[in-house]
N, C-alpha and C. Protein backbone atom coordinates (compact mmCIF):
# COMPACT_ATOMS: atom_id res chain seq x y z
N MET A 1 60.46 91.13 187.85
CA MET A 1 61.65 90.81 187.10
C MET A 1 61.31 90.04 185.82
N ASN A 2 60.36 89.15 185.92
CA ASN A 2 59.92 88.40 184.76
C ASN A 2 59.38 89.32 183.67
N ARG A 3 58.70 90.36 184.12
CA ARG A 3 58.12 91.32 183.19
C ARG A 3 59.21 92.05 182.41
N ARG A 4 60.30 92.42 183.09
CA ARG A 4 61.42 93.10 182.44
C ARG A 4 62.09 92.19 181.41
N THR A 5 62.24 90.92 181.74
CA THR A 5 62.86 89.97 180.82
C THR A 5 62.00 89.82 179.57
N SER A 6 60.68 89.72 179.77
CA SER A 6 59.77 89.60 178.63
C SER A 6 59.81 90.86 177.77
N LEU A 7 59.83 92.03 178.39
CA LEU A 7 59.89 93.28 177.65
C LEU A 7 61.20 93.37 176.87
N ALA A 8 62.29 92.98 177.49
CA ALA A 8 63.59 93.01 176.81
C ALA A 8 63.60 92.05 175.62
N ALA A 9 62.98 90.89 175.79
CA ALA A 9 62.93 89.91 174.70
C ALA A 9 62.09 90.46 173.54
N VAL A 10 60.97 91.10 173.84
CA VAL A 10 60.12 91.69 172.80
C VAL A 10 60.88 92.79 172.07
N ILE A 11 61.59 93.64 172.81
CA ILE A 11 62.36 94.72 172.18
C ILE A 11 63.47 94.14 171.30
N ALA A 12 64.15 93.14 171.77
CA ALA A 12 65.23 92.52 170.98
C ALA A 12 64.66 91.87 169.72
N LEU A 13 63.54 91.19 169.86
CA LEU A 13 62.92 90.54 168.70
C LEU A 13 62.46 91.58 167.68
N THR A 14 61.84 92.65 168.15
CA THR A 14 61.38 93.72 167.26
C THR A 14 62.56 94.37 166.55
N ALA A 15 63.63 94.64 167.26
CA ALA A 15 64.82 95.24 166.65
C ALA A 15 65.42 94.30 165.61
N GLY A 16 65.45 93.02 165.92
CA GLY A 16 65.98 92.03 164.97
C GLY A 16 65.15 91.97 163.70
N LEU A 17 63.82 91.99 163.85
CA LEU A 17 62.95 91.97 162.67
C LEU A 17 63.10 93.25 161.85
N ALA A 18 63.26 94.37 162.54
CA ALA A 18 63.44 95.65 161.83
C ALA A 18 64.74 95.63 161.05
N LEU A 19 65.79 95.12 161.64
CA LEU A 19 67.08 95.05 160.94
C LEU A 19 67.01 94.09 159.77
N ALA A 20 66.33 92.97 159.94
CA ALA A 20 66.18 92.01 158.85
C ALA A 20 65.42 92.65 157.70
N GLY A 21 64.39 93.43 158.02
CA GLY A 21 63.64 94.11 156.98
C GLY A 21 64.49 95.14 156.26
N CYS A 22 65.35 95.82 156.97
CA CYS A 22 66.21 96.83 156.35
C CYS A 22 67.21 96.20 155.40
N SER A 23 67.69 95.02 155.72
CA SER A 23 68.72 94.42 154.88
C SER A 23 68.17 94.06 153.50
N SER A 24 66.86 93.76 153.41
CA SER A 24 66.30 93.43 152.10
C SER A 24 65.80 94.67 151.37
N ASP A 25 65.73 95.82 152.05
CA ASP A 25 65.23 97.04 151.42
C ASP A 25 66.09 97.49 150.25
N GLY A 26 67.36 97.15 150.24
CA GLY A 26 68.23 97.61 149.17
C GLY A 26 68.21 96.73 147.93
N LYS A 27 67.35 95.74 147.89
CA LYS A 27 67.31 94.83 146.75
C LYS A 27 66.08 95.09 145.89
N PRO A 28 66.26 95.00 144.57
CA PRO A 28 65.08 95.10 143.71
C PRO A 28 64.23 93.85 143.81
N GLU A 29 62.92 94.00 143.67
CA GLU A 29 61.98 92.88 143.62
C GLU A 29 61.11 93.11 142.39
N LEU A 30 61.41 92.37 141.32
CA LEU A 30 60.82 92.65 140.02
C LEU A 30 59.71 91.69 139.63
N LYS A 31 58.69 92.23 138.99
CA LYS A 31 57.60 91.45 138.38
C LYS A 31 57.26 92.13 137.06
N VAL A 32 56.77 91.34 136.12
CA VAL A 32 56.43 91.87 134.80
C VAL A 32 54.95 91.67 134.55
N SER A 33 54.32 92.68 133.93
CA SER A 33 52.90 92.56 133.58
C SER A 33 52.63 93.29 132.26
N GLY A 34 51.45 93.04 131.71
CA GLY A 34 50.97 93.77 130.55
C GLY A 34 51.75 93.57 129.26
N GLY A 35 52.51 92.49 129.15
CA GLY A 35 53.33 92.28 127.97
C GLY A 35 52.52 91.91 126.75
N PHE A 36 52.97 92.36 125.57
CA PHE A 36 52.38 91.96 124.31
C PHE A 36 53.32 92.30 123.16
N MET A 37 53.06 91.67 122.03
CA MET A 37 53.76 91.96 120.78
C MET A 37 52.69 92.12 119.70
N PRO A 38 52.65 93.27 119.04
CA PRO A 38 51.74 93.36 117.89
C PRO A 38 52.21 92.41 116.79
N GLN A 39 51.28 91.78 116.09
CA GLN A 39 51.66 90.86 115.01
C GLN A 39 52.52 91.62 114.01
N PRO A 40 53.73 91.10 113.73
CA PRO A 40 54.62 91.80 112.80
C PRO A 40 54.08 91.78 111.38
N VAL A 41 54.37 92.85 110.64
CA VAL A 41 53.95 92.93 109.24
C VAL A 41 55.16 92.83 108.31
N GLY A 42 56.34 92.69 108.86
CA GLY A 42 57.56 92.53 108.08
C GLY A 42 58.52 91.62 108.82
N ASP A 43 59.82 91.89 108.66
CA ASP A 43 60.82 91.03 109.32
C ASP A 43 61.29 91.60 110.65
N MET A 44 60.54 92.56 111.21
CA MET A 44 60.84 93.04 112.55
C MET A 44 59.56 93.18 113.35
N ALA A 45 59.74 93.24 114.67
CA ALA A 45 58.60 93.35 115.56
C ALA A 45 59.01 94.17 116.78
N ALA A 46 58.02 94.59 117.53
CA ALA A 46 58.26 95.32 118.76
C ALA A 46 57.61 94.58 119.92
N GLY A 47 58.14 94.77 121.11
CA GLY A 47 57.58 94.18 122.31
C GLY A 47 57.38 95.25 123.36
N PHE A 48 56.30 95.09 124.12
CA PHE A 48 55.94 96.07 125.13
C PHE A 48 55.55 95.36 126.42
N LEU A 49 55.87 95.96 127.56
CA LEU A 49 55.56 95.38 128.86
C LEU A 49 55.89 96.39 129.94
N THR A 50 55.53 96.06 131.17
CA THR A 50 55.88 96.90 132.32
C THR A 50 56.62 96.04 133.33
N VAL A 51 57.77 96.56 133.81
CA VAL A 51 58.53 95.92 134.87
C VAL A 51 58.25 96.69 136.15
N HIS A 52 57.66 96.03 137.13
CA HIS A 52 57.35 96.64 138.42
C HIS A 52 58.45 96.27 139.40
N ASN A 53 58.91 97.24 140.16
CA ASN A 53 59.94 97.00 141.18
C ASN A 53 59.37 97.42 142.53
N SER A 54 59.01 96.45 143.36
CA SER A 54 58.47 96.74 144.68
C SER A 54 59.57 96.77 145.74
N GLY A 55 60.82 96.58 145.34
CA GLY A 55 61.93 96.57 146.28
C GLY A 55 62.51 97.96 146.50
N GLY A 56 63.39 98.04 147.46
CA GLY A 56 64.01 99.30 147.82
C GLY A 56 65.26 99.63 147.02
N GLY A 57 65.68 98.74 146.12
CA GLY A 57 66.87 98.99 145.31
C GLY A 57 66.52 99.07 143.84
N ALA A 58 67.22 99.93 143.13
CA ALA A 58 67.00 100.08 141.69
C ALA A 58 67.70 98.95 140.93
N ASP A 59 67.35 98.79 139.68
CA ASP A 59 67.98 97.80 138.80
C ASP A 59 67.99 98.39 137.39
N LYS A 60 68.55 97.64 136.45
CA LYS A 60 68.58 98.05 135.05
C LYS A 60 68.25 96.86 134.18
N LEU A 61 67.37 97.06 133.20
CA LEU A 61 67.13 96.07 132.15
C LEU A 61 68.26 96.25 131.15
N THR A 62 69.05 95.18 130.94
CA THR A 62 70.24 95.32 130.10
C THR A 62 70.10 94.63 128.74
N THR A 63 69.44 93.47 128.69
CA THR A 63 69.28 92.76 127.42
C THR A 63 67.99 91.95 127.43
N VAL A 64 67.58 91.59 126.22
CA VAL A 64 66.42 90.73 126.02
C VAL A 64 66.83 89.67 125.02
N THR A 65 66.46 88.42 125.28
CA THR A 65 66.74 87.34 124.35
C THR A 65 65.45 86.58 124.04
N SER A 66 65.44 85.92 122.87
CA SER A 66 64.29 85.12 122.46
C SER A 66 64.71 84.23 121.29
N ASP A 67 64.02 83.10 121.14
CA ASP A 67 64.27 82.20 120.01
C ASP A 67 63.81 82.81 118.68
N ILE A 68 62.97 83.82 118.75
CA ILE A 68 62.39 84.40 117.53
C ILE A 68 63.39 85.25 116.74
N SER A 69 64.48 85.71 117.41
CA SER A 69 65.46 86.57 116.74
C SER A 69 66.79 86.53 117.48
N ASP A 70 67.87 86.64 116.71
CA ASP A 70 69.20 86.75 117.32
C ASP A 70 69.62 88.21 117.44
N ASP A 71 68.77 89.12 116.96
CA ASP A 71 69.09 90.54 116.96
C ASP A 71 67.97 91.30 117.68
N ILE A 72 68.07 91.34 119.01
CA ILE A 72 67.07 92.00 119.83
C ILE A 72 67.74 93.14 120.58
N THR A 73 67.17 94.33 120.47
CA THR A 73 67.73 95.50 121.13
C THR A 73 66.63 96.22 121.90
N ILE A 74 67.05 97.13 122.77
CA ILE A 74 66.09 97.96 123.48
C ILE A 74 66.27 99.39 122.99
N HIS A 75 65.14 100.06 122.77
CA HIS A 75 65.15 101.40 122.20
C HIS A 75 64.36 102.39 123.04
N GLU A 76 64.82 103.64 123.01
CA GLU A 76 64.04 104.72 123.58
C GLU A 76 63.57 105.61 122.45
N SER A 77 62.45 106.24 122.67
CA SER A 77 61.92 107.18 121.69
C SER A 77 61.95 108.57 122.31
N LYS A 78 62.64 109.48 121.63
CA LYS A 78 62.72 110.88 122.07
C LYS A 78 62.60 111.76 120.84
N ASN A 79 61.82 112.82 120.96
CA ASN A 79 61.64 113.77 119.85
C ASN A 79 61.27 113.05 118.55
N GLN A 80 60.38 112.10 118.64
CA GLN A 80 59.86 111.34 117.51
C GLN A 80 60.92 110.55 116.74
N THR A 81 62.03 110.24 117.41
CA THR A 81 63.04 109.35 116.83
C THR A 81 63.35 108.27 117.85
N MET A 82 63.75 107.09 117.34
CA MET A 82 64.11 106.03 118.27
C MET A 82 65.59 105.73 118.12
N GLN A 83 66.19 105.40 119.26
CA GLN A 83 67.60 105.03 119.24
C GLN A 83 67.85 103.91 120.24
N GLU A 84 68.81 103.07 119.91
CA GLU A 84 69.17 101.96 120.77
C GLU A 84 69.84 102.49 122.03
N VAL A 85 69.56 101.84 123.16
CA VAL A 85 70.21 102.19 124.43
C VAL A 85 70.83 100.93 125.02
N LYS A 86 71.78 101.11 125.91
CA LYS A 86 72.46 99.98 126.55
C LYS A 86 71.63 99.37 127.68
N ALA A 87 70.80 100.21 128.35
CA ALA A 87 70.02 99.74 129.49
C ALA A 87 68.89 100.71 129.77
N PHE A 88 67.86 100.20 130.46
CA PHE A 88 66.78 101.04 130.98
C PHE A 88 66.78 100.92 132.49
N ASP A 89 66.63 102.05 133.17
CA ASP A 89 66.53 102.05 134.62
C ASP A 89 65.19 101.47 135.06
N VAL A 90 65.24 100.67 136.13
CA VAL A 90 64.04 100.19 136.81
C VAL A 90 64.14 100.76 138.22
N PRO A 91 63.48 101.89 138.49
CA PRO A 91 63.68 102.58 139.76
C PRO A 91 63.16 101.78 140.96
N ALA A 92 63.78 102.01 142.11
CA ALA A 92 63.30 101.41 143.35
C ALA A 92 61.87 101.89 143.59
N ASP A 93 61.03 100.98 144.05
CA ASP A 93 59.62 101.29 144.32
C ASP A 93 58.97 102.02 143.14
N GLY A 94 59.30 101.58 141.92
CA GLY A 94 58.76 102.22 140.72
C GLY A 94 58.58 101.21 139.61
N GLU A 95 58.50 101.71 138.39
CA GLU A 95 58.32 100.80 137.27
C GLU A 95 58.96 101.36 136.00
N LEU A 96 59.24 100.43 135.10
CA LEU A 96 59.73 100.73 133.77
C LEU A 96 58.62 100.37 132.80
N ASP A 97 58.13 101.36 132.05
CA ASP A 97 57.08 101.12 131.07
C ASP A 97 57.68 101.07 129.68
N LEU A 98 57.49 99.96 129.02
CA LEU A 98 57.84 99.83 127.60
C LEU A 98 56.51 99.82 126.87
N GLU A 99 56.22 100.93 126.14
CA GLU A 99 54.89 101.09 125.55
C GLU A 99 54.97 101.75 124.19
N ARG A 100 53.91 101.60 123.42
CA ARG A 100 53.84 102.20 122.08
C ARG A 100 54.12 103.70 122.19
N GLY A 101 54.94 104.19 121.25
CA GLY A 101 55.27 105.60 121.24
C GLY A 101 56.37 105.98 122.21
N GLY A 102 56.87 105.00 122.95
CA GLY A 102 57.90 105.26 123.95
C GLY A 102 58.99 104.21 123.89
N ASN A 103 59.55 103.90 125.03
CA ASN A 103 60.59 102.89 125.12
C ASN A 103 60.01 101.53 124.77
N HIS A 104 60.84 100.67 124.12
CA HIS A 104 60.32 99.38 123.66
C HIS A 104 61.46 98.41 123.35
N ILE A 105 61.06 97.16 123.09
CA ILE A 105 61.98 96.11 122.67
C ILE A 105 61.84 95.97 121.15
N MET A 106 62.97 95.87 120.43
CA MET A 106 62.94 95.68 118.97
C MET A 106 63.50 94.31 118.62
N PHE A 107 62.75 93.56 117.84
CA PHE A 107 63.15 92.25 117.34
C PHE A 107 63.44 92.42 115.85
N MET A 108 64.70 92.27 115.46
CA MET A 108 65.09 92.44 114.06
C MET A 108 65.32 91.08 113.42
N LYS A 109 65.22 91.01 112.10
CA LYS A 109 65.50 89.79 111.33
C LYS A 109 64.81 88.57 111.95
N LEU A 110 63.49 88.64 112.03
CA LEU A 110 62.72 87.55 112.63
C LEU A 110 62.98 86.22 111.95
N LYS A 111 63.14 85.17 112.73
CA LYS A 111 63.33 83.82 112.21
C LYS A 111 61.99 83.20 111.80
N GLN A 112 60.91 83.71 112.39
CA GLN A 112 59.57 83.23 112.10
C GLN A 112 58.60 84.39 112.28
N GLN A 113 57.44 84.26 111.71
CA GLN A 113 56.41 85.31 111.80
C GLN A 113 55.33 84.87 112.79
N PRO A 114 55.38 85.35 114.02
CA PRO A 114 54.33 84.97 114.97
C PRO A 114 52.99 85.57 114.55
N LYS A 115 51.95 84.80 114.74
CA LYS A 115 50.60 85.21 114.34
C LYS A 115 49.77 85.56 115.57
N GLN A 116 48.77 86.40 115.35
CA GLN A 116 47.86 86.79 116.42
C GLN A 116 47.32 85.54 117.11
N GLY A 117 47.32 85.56 118.45
CA GLY A 117 46.86 84.42 119.24
C GLY A 117 47.99 83.54 119.74
N GLU A 118 49.17 83.62 119.10
CA GLU A 118 50.33 82.86 119.56
C GLU A 118 51.02 83.62 120.69
N LYS A 119 52.05 83.02 121.26
CA LYS A 119 52.84 83.65 122.31
C LYS A 119 54.32 83.56 121.95
N VAL A 120 55.05 84.61 122.27
CA VAL A 120 56.50 84.66 122.04
C VAL A 120 57.17 84.72 123.41
N THR A 121 58.08 83.79 123.67
CA THR A 121 58.78 83.77 124.95
C THR A 121 60.04 84.62 124.85
N VAL A 122 60.23 85.49 125.83
CA VAL A 122 61.43 86.32 125.91
C VAL A 122 62.02 86.17 127.30
N GLU A 123 63.32 86.43 127.38
CA GLU A 123 63.99 86.45 128.68
C GLU A 123 64.57 87.84 128.88
N LEU A 124 64.14 88.48 129.96
CA LEU A 124 64.64 89.80 130.32
C LEU A 124 65.82 89.62 131.27
N ARG A 125 66.91 90.30 130.98
CA ARG A 125 68.10 90.19 131.83
C ARG A 125 68.40 91.55 132.45
N PHE A 126 68.77 91.49 133.71
CA PHE A 126 68.96 92.69 134.50
C PHE A 126 70.38 92.75 135.07
N GLU A 127 70.75 93.95 135.49
CA GLU A 127 72.08 94.14 136.08
C GLU A 127 72.19 93.43 137.43
N GLU A 128 71.16 93.51 138.25
CA GLU A 128 71.20 92.95 139.61
C GLU A 128 70.36 91.69 139.78
N SER A 129 69.17 91.68 139.24
CA SER A 129 68.20 90.61 139.48
C SER A 129 68.42 89.43 138.54
N ASP A 130 67.86 88.29 138.93
CA ASP A 130 67.88 87.11 138.08
C ASP A 130 67.03 87.37 136.83
N PRO A 131 67.33 86.67 135.74
CA PRO A 131 66.52 86.84 134.52
C PRO A 131 65.06 86.46 134.77
N ILE A 132 64.18 87.08 134.00
CA ILE A 132 62.74 86.79 134.08
C ILE A 132 62.27 86.36 132.70
N ARG A 133 61.65 85.17 132.63
CA ARG A 133 61.06 84.69 131.37
C ARG A 133 59.61 85.15 131.32
N VAL A 134 59.23 85.68 130.17
CA VAL A 134 57.89 86.23 129.98
C VAL A 134 57.34 85.75 128.65
N GLU A 135 56.05 85.43 128.62
CA GLU A 135 55.39 85.11 127.37
C GLU A 135 54.61 86.34 126.92
N LEU A 136 54.93 86.81 125.71
CA LEU A 136 54.23 87.95 125.14
C LEU A 136 53.15 87.45 124.19
N PRO A 137 51.88 87.67 124.51
CA PRO A 137 50.83 87.29 123.58
C PRO A 137 50.92 88.16 122.33
N VAL A 138 50.74 87.55 121.16
CA VAL A 138 50.77 88.28 119.91
C VAL A 138 49.36 88.81 119.66
N LYS A 139 49.26 90.12 119.52
CA LYS A 139 47.99 90.81 119.33
C LYS A 139 47.88 91.32 117.89
N GLU A 140 46.72 91.88 117.54
CA GLU A 140 46.55 92.46 116.21
C GLU A 140 47.57 93.59 116.02
N PRO A 141 47.97 93.87 114.78
CA PRO A 141 49.02 94.86 114.53
C PRO A 141 48.76 96.25 115.11
N THR A 142 47.49 96.63 115.26
CA THR A 142 47.17 97.97 115.76
C THR A 142 46.87 98.00 117.26
N TYR A 143 47.03 96.89 117.94
CA TYR A 143 46.69 96.79 119.37
C TYR A 143 47.43 97.84 120.18
N ASN A 144 46.69 98.56 121.02
CA ASN A 144 47.28 99.58 121.88
C ASN A 144 46.43 99.67 123.16
N PRO A 145 46.84 98.97 124.23
CA PRO A 145 46.02 98.97 125.44
C PRO A 145 45.99 100.35 126.07
N LYS A 146 44.88 100.63 126.71
CA LYS A 146 44.73 101.91 127.41
C LYS A 146 45.25 101.79 128.83
N LYS A 147 46.01 102.79 129.26
CA LYS A 147 46.49 102.85 130.65
C LYS A 147 45.39 103.43 131.50
N HIS A 148 45.30 102.91 132.73
CA HIS A 148 44.26 103.43 133.66
C HIS A 148 44.83 104.52 134.51
């Protein structure tokens, strides 16, 4: 009889842990890596980074803010033209790549000219997740990291 009680307790505990795991599966879990800003050569700049989502729920990048500019937008590049978008999808168990020649952050009417070696702080805001503050190192104007 003791053995049955122990087995029932193990089954109940396992089921409880499985249910607890399922409840968090629908939430995005975001991290940012690979961020940088090429040193601007005029009054605008671009920002690039990757948002990784290890969670089971999707999210959307909706806005970006920074002290460096009051006019920051997100752009997609299609057919060699760029256009502003309202949001970028961050898929569940996937990533959003903002990279040269593709989707990116645009900083217009810069308040200051960041120089190579400095860092620019930005705040990424999402539809579901809490904001994420990221420091973008300022790289040489032609910097273009290679993807592995």
